[in-house]
Amino acid sequence: MAVSADSVESLSIFGKDKLGFDVTLLSDSKRQVIRDYGLVHPEGHGGEDIARPATIIIDKDGVVRWVKVAHNFMVRPAPDEVIEALERL
């Protein structure tokens, strides 16, 4: 699942064809989930609060087990890094 500060309408352009894989996109246009996880980048784009790019692993009990926050939305952890974190659970 991916959470974005973008509106539902904005996210609707990102389908499986655009992304190259099937993923559920959740609009958090009120920034509540983003605030709950401490990932707000205040006035990050055009003076508007946006989400800091992050990858979070949450276990079946809702406990955050791994977090990787980037300073650039183009930077994400390598798949091997995420798989390794999952295997350690």
N, C-alpha and C. Protein backbone atom coordinates (compact mmCIF):
# COMPACT_ATOMS: atom_id res chain seq x y z
N MET A 1 0.84 -1.16 0.00
CA MET A 1 0.00 0.00 0.00
C MET A 1 0.90 1.24 0.00
N ALA A 2 0.45 2.25 -0.69
CA ALA A 2 1.16 3.53 -0.70
C ALA A 2 0.20 4.61 -0.20
N VAL A 3 0.70 5.48 0.65
CA VAL A 3 -0.09 6.59 1.18
C VAL A 3 0.50 7.87 0.62
N SER A 4 -0.37 8.75 0.15
CA SER A 4 0.08 10.00 -0.46
C SER A 4 -0.77 11.16 0.03
N ALA A 5 -0.17 12.33 0.09
CA ALA A 5 -0.91 13.54 0.44
C ALA A 5 -1.74 14.04 -0.75
N ASP A 6 -1.56 13.42 -1.89
CA ASP A 6 -2.31 13.82 -3.10
C ASP A 6 -3.78 13.43 -2.98
N SER A 7 -4.61 14.13 -3.73
CA SER A 7 -6.04 13.85 -3.74
C SER A 7 -6.34 12.54 -4.46
N VAL A 8 -7.54 12.03 -4.24
CA VAL A 8 -7.98 10.81 -4.93
C VAL A 8 -7.90 11.03 -6.44
N GLU A 9 -8.32 12.21 -6.89
CA GLU A 9 -8.30 12.51 -8.31
C GLU A 9 -6.87 12.47 -8.87
N SER A 10 -5.93 13.03 -8.14
CA SER A 10 -4.53 13.01 -8.58
C SER A 10 -3.99 11.60 -8.65
N LEU A 11 -4.35 10.78 -7.68
CA LEU A 11 -3.85 9.41 -7.63
C LEU A 11 -4.47 8.51 -8.70
N SER A 12 -5.63 8.91 -9.20
CA SER A 12 -6.34 8.06 -10.16
C SER A 12 -5.56 7.88 -11.46
N ILE A 13 -4.60 8.76 -11.75
CA ILE A 13 -3.81 8.61 -12.98
C ILE A 13 -2.75 7.52 -12.85
N PHE A 14 -2.48 7.08 -11.60
CA PHE A 14 -1.47 6.05 -11.38
C PHE A 14 -2.13 4.69 -11.28
N GLY A 15 -2.18 3.99 -12.37
CA GLY A 15 -2.71 2.63 -12.38
C GLY A 15 -1.57 1.65 -12.58
N LYS A 16 -1.93 0.41 -12.71
CA LYS A 16 -0.94 -0.63 -12.94
C LYS A 16 -0.11 -0.34 -14.19
N ASP A 17 -0.76 0.19 -15.23
CA ASP A 17 -0.05 0.49 -16.48
C ASP A 17 1.01 1.57 -16.27
N LYS A 18 0.70 2.57 -15.48
CA LYS A 18 1.64 3.68 -15.24
C LYS A 18 2.79 3.26 -14.31
N LEU A 19 2.46 2.53 -13.25
CA LEU A 19 3.47 2.17 -12.25
C LEU A 19 4.26 0.91 -12.62
N GLY A 20 3.66 0.06 -13.43
CA GLY A 20 4.32 -1.19 -13.79
C GLY A 20 4.06 -2.31 -12.79
N PHE A 21 3.29 -2.04 -11.76
CA PHE A 21 2.90 -3.05 -10.78
C PHE A 21 1.60 -2.62 -10.13
N ASP A 22 0.93 -3.56 -9.52
CA ASP A 22 -0.36 -3.30 -8.91
C ASP A 22 -0.15 -2.95 -7.44
N VAL A 23 -0.58 -1.77 -7.04
CA VAL A 23 -0.44 -1.33 -5.65
C VAL A 23 -1.68 -0.51 -5.27
N THR A 24 -2.11 -0.65 -4.04
CA THR A 24 -3.21 0.15 -3.53
C THR A 24 -2.67 1.52 -3.14
N LEU A 25 -3.30 2.58 -3.67
CA LEU A 25 -2.90 3.95 -3.36
C LEU A 25 -3.96 4.57 -2.47
N LEU A 26 -3.54 5.08 -1.32
CA LEU A 26 -4.44 5.70 -0.35
C LEU A 26 -4.20 7.20 -0.33
N SER A 27 -5.26 7.96 -0.55
CA SER A 27 -5.17 9.42 -0.48
C SER A 27 -5.30 9.86 0.98
N ASP A 28 -4.32 10.59 1.45
CA ASP A 28 -4.34 11.17 2.80
C ASP A 28 -4.29 12.68 2.65
N SER A 29 -5.27 13.22 1.91
CA SER A 29 -5.25 14.64 1.58
C SER A 29 -5.36 15.54 2.80
N LYS A 30 -5.87 15.03 3.91
CA LYS A 30 -5.92 15.81 5.15
C LYS A 30 -4.67 15.62 5.99
N ARG A 31 -3.76 14.78 5.52
CA ARG A 31 -2.44 14.55 6.14
C ARG A 31 -2.51 13.88 7.51
N GLN A 32 -3.59 13.19 7.84
CA GLN A 32 -3.71 12.59 9.17
C GLN A 32 -2.76 11.41 9.37
N VAL A 33 -2.73 10.48 8.43
CA VAL A 33 -1.83 9.32 8.54
C VAL A 33 -0.38 9.80 8.51
N ILE A 34 -0.11 10.74 7.63
CA ILE A 34 1.24 11.28 7.50
C ILE A 34 1.68 11.93 8.82
N ARG A 35 0.77 12.66 9.46
CA ARG A 35 1.09 13.26 10.77
C ARG A 35 1.28 12.17 11.83
N ASP A 36 0.39 11.18 11.83
CA ASP A 36 0.46 10.10 12.82
C ASP A 36 1.82 9.38 12.79
N TYR A 37 2.42 9.29 11.62
CA TYR A 37 3.72 8.62 11.49
C TYR A 37 4.90 9.59 11.51
N GLY A 38 4.62 10.87 11.77
CA GLY A 38 5.69 11.87 11.87
C GLY A 38 6.41 12.12 10.55
N LEU A 39 5.66 12.08 9.46
CA LEU A 39 6.29 12.18 8.14
C LEU A 39 5.89 13.44 7.37
N VAL A 40 5.40 14.45 8.08
CA VAL A 40 5.03 15.70 7.40
C VAL A 40 6.28 16.50 7.07
N HIS A 41 6.35 16.93 5.82
CA HIS A 41 7.38 17.87 5.38
C HIS A 41 6.66 19.21 5.22
N PRO A 42 6.72 20.06 6.27
CA PRO A 42 5.96 21.31 6.25
C PRO A 42 6.36 22.20 5.07
N GLU A 43 5.34 22.69 4.41
CA GLU A 43 5.55 23.61 3.27
C GLU A 43 6.54 23.04 2.26
N GLY A 44 6.44 21.75 2.04
CA GLY A 44 7.40 21.06 1.19
C GLY A 44 7.26 21.28 -0.29
N HIS A 45 6.07 21.62 -0.77
CA HIS A 45 5.88 21.80 -2.21
C HIS A 45 4.88 22.92 -2.42
N GLY A 46 5.36 24.00 -2.96
CA GLY A 46 4.47 25.13 -3.21
C GLY A 46 3.84 25.68 -1.95
N GLY A 47 4.55 25.56 -0.82
CA GLY A 47 4.02 26.06 0.45
C GLY A 47 3.02 25.14 1.11
N GLU A 48 2.82 23.96 0.53
CA GLU A 48 1.84 23.00 1.06
C GLU A 48 2.55 21.85 1.77
N ASP A 49 1.98 21.42 2.90
CA ASP A 49 2.55 20.26 3.59
C ASP A 49 2.46 19.03 2.69
N ILE A 50 3.54 18.28 2.63
CA ILE A 50 3.56 17.03 1.87
C ILE A 50 4.16 15.94 2.75
N ALA A 51 4.13 14.73 2.25
CA ALA A 51 4.71 13.61 3.01
C ALA A 51 6.19 13.48 2.70
N ARG A 52 6.96 13.17 3.73
CA ARG A 52 8.35 12.78 3.50
C ARG A 52 8.31 11.39 2.90
N PRO A 53 9.16 11.12 1.92
CA PRO A 53 9.16 9.78 1.33
C PRO A 53 9.66 8.75 2.33
N ALA A 54 8.87 7.72 2.55
CA ALA A 54 9.24 6.71 3.54
C ALA A 54 8.72 5.34 3.13
N THR A 55 9.43 4.33 3.57
CA THR A 55 9.00 2.95 3.44
C THR A 55 8.88 2.41 4.86
N ILE A 56 7.72 1.87 5.19
CA ILE A 56 7.46 1.41 6.55
C ILE A 56 6.93 -0.02 6.49
N ILE A 57 7.49 -0.87 7.34
CA ILE A 57 6.97 -2.24 7.48
C ILE A 57 6.22 -2.28 8.80
N ILE A 58 4.94 -2.67 8.70
CA ILE A 58 4.07 -2.78 9.87
C ILE A 58 3.65 -4.23 9.98
N ASP A 59 3.81 -4.82 11.16
CA ASP A 59 3.46 -6.23 11.31
C ASP A 59 1.94 -6.42 11.43
N LYS A 60 1.50 -7.66 11.51
CA LYS A 60 0.07 -7.98 11.53
C LYS A 60 -0.65 -7.42 12.76
N ASP A 61 0.12 -7.07 13.81
CA ASP A 61 -0.46 -6.48 15.02
C ASP A 61 -0.47 -4.95 14.98
N GLY A 62 -0.02 -4.38 13.87
CA GLY A 62 -0.01 -2.93 13.72
C GLY A 62 1.22 -2.26 14.30
N VAL A 63 2.24 -3.04 14.64
CA VAL A 63 3.47 -2.49 15.21
C VAL A 63 4.46 -2.16 14.09
N VAL A 64 4.98 -0.94 14.12
CA VAL A 64 5.98 -0.54 13.13
C VAL A 64 7.27 -1.29 13.44
N ARG A 65 7.78 -2.04 12.48
CA ARG A 65 8.97 -2.86 12.66
C ARG A 65 10.19 -2.33 11.94
N TRP A 66 9.99 -1.49 10.92
CA TRP A 66 11.12 -0.99 10.14
C TRP A 66 10.69 0.28 9.42
N VAL A 67 11.55 1.27 9.43
CA VAL A 67 11.26 2.54 8.76
C VAL A 67 12.51 3.02 8.03
N LYS A 68 12.31 3.48 6.84
CA LYS A 68 13.39 4.10 6.07
C LYS A 68 12.82 5.38 5.47
N VAL A 69 13.31 6.53 5.96
CA VAL A 69 12.85 7.83 5.48
C VAL A 69 13.93 8.43 4.59
N ALA A 70 13.52 8.94 3.44
CA ALA A 70 14.46 9.55 2.50
C ALA A 70 14.25 11.06 2.49
N HIS A 71 15.24 11.76 1.98
CA HIS A 71 15.14 13.22 1.85
C HIS A 71 14.77 13.63 0.44
N ASN A 72 14.63 12.65 -0.44
CA ASN A 72 14.32 12.90 -1.84
C ASN A 72 13.29 11.86 -2.27
N PHE A 73 12.20 12.29 -2.87
CA PHE A 73 11.15 11.35 -3.24
C PHE A 73 11.59 10.33 -4.30
N MET A 74 12.69 10.59 -4.96
CA MET A 74 13.20 9.67 -5.97
C MET A 74 14.07 8.55 -5.36
N VAL A 75 14.40 8.69 -4.07
CA VAL A 75 15.27 7.73 -3.40
C VAL A 75 14.42 6.79 -2.56
N ARG A 76 14.52 5.51 -2.86
CA ARG A 76 13.79 4.49 -2.10
C ARG A 76 14.76 3.38 -1.75
N PRO A 77 14.46 2.62 -0.70
CA PRO A 77 15.35 1.51 -0.36
C PRO A 77 15.33 0.46 -1.49
N ALA A 78 16.46 -0.19 -1.64
CA ALA A 78 16.55 -1.26 -2.64
C ALA A 78 15.63 -2.40 -2.23
N PRO A 79 15.03 -3.10 -3.17
CA PRO A 79 14.17 -4.23 -2.82
C PRO A 79 14.85 -5.24 -1.90
N ASP A 80 16.14 -5.51 -2.13
CA ASP A 80 16.85 -6.45 -1.27
C ASP A 80 16.88 -5.98 0.18
N GLU A 81 16.99 -4.68 0.39
CA GLU A 81 17.02 -4.12 1.74
C GLU A 81 15.67 -4.34 2.43
N VAL A 82 14.58 -4.15 1.71
CA VAL A 82 13.24 -4.35 2.27
C VAL A 82 13.01 -5.84 2.55
N ILE A 83 13.41 -6.69 1.62
CA ILE A 83 13.25 -8.14 1.82
C ILE A 83 14.03 -8.60 3.03
N GLU A 84 15.24 -8.09 3.19
CA GLU A 84 16.06 -8.45 4.35
C GLU A 84 15.37 -8.04 5.65
N ALA A 85 14.79 -6.84 5.66
CA ALA A 85 14.08 -6.36 6.85
C ALA A 85 12.87 -7.26 7.13
N LEU A 86 12.16 -7.67 6.10
CA LEU A 86 11.01 -8.56 6.28
C LEU A 86 11.44 -9.93 6.82
N GLU A 87 12.54 -10.43 6.32
CA GLU A 87 13.02 -11.74 6.76
C GLU A 87 13.46 -11.73 8.23
N ARG A 88 13.84 -10.56 8.75
CA ARG A 88 14.26 -10.46 10.15
C ARG A 88 13.08 -10.45 11.11
N LEU A 89 11.87 -10.32 10.61
CA LEU A 89 10.69 -10.28 11.49
C LEU A 89 10.38 -11.65 12.05
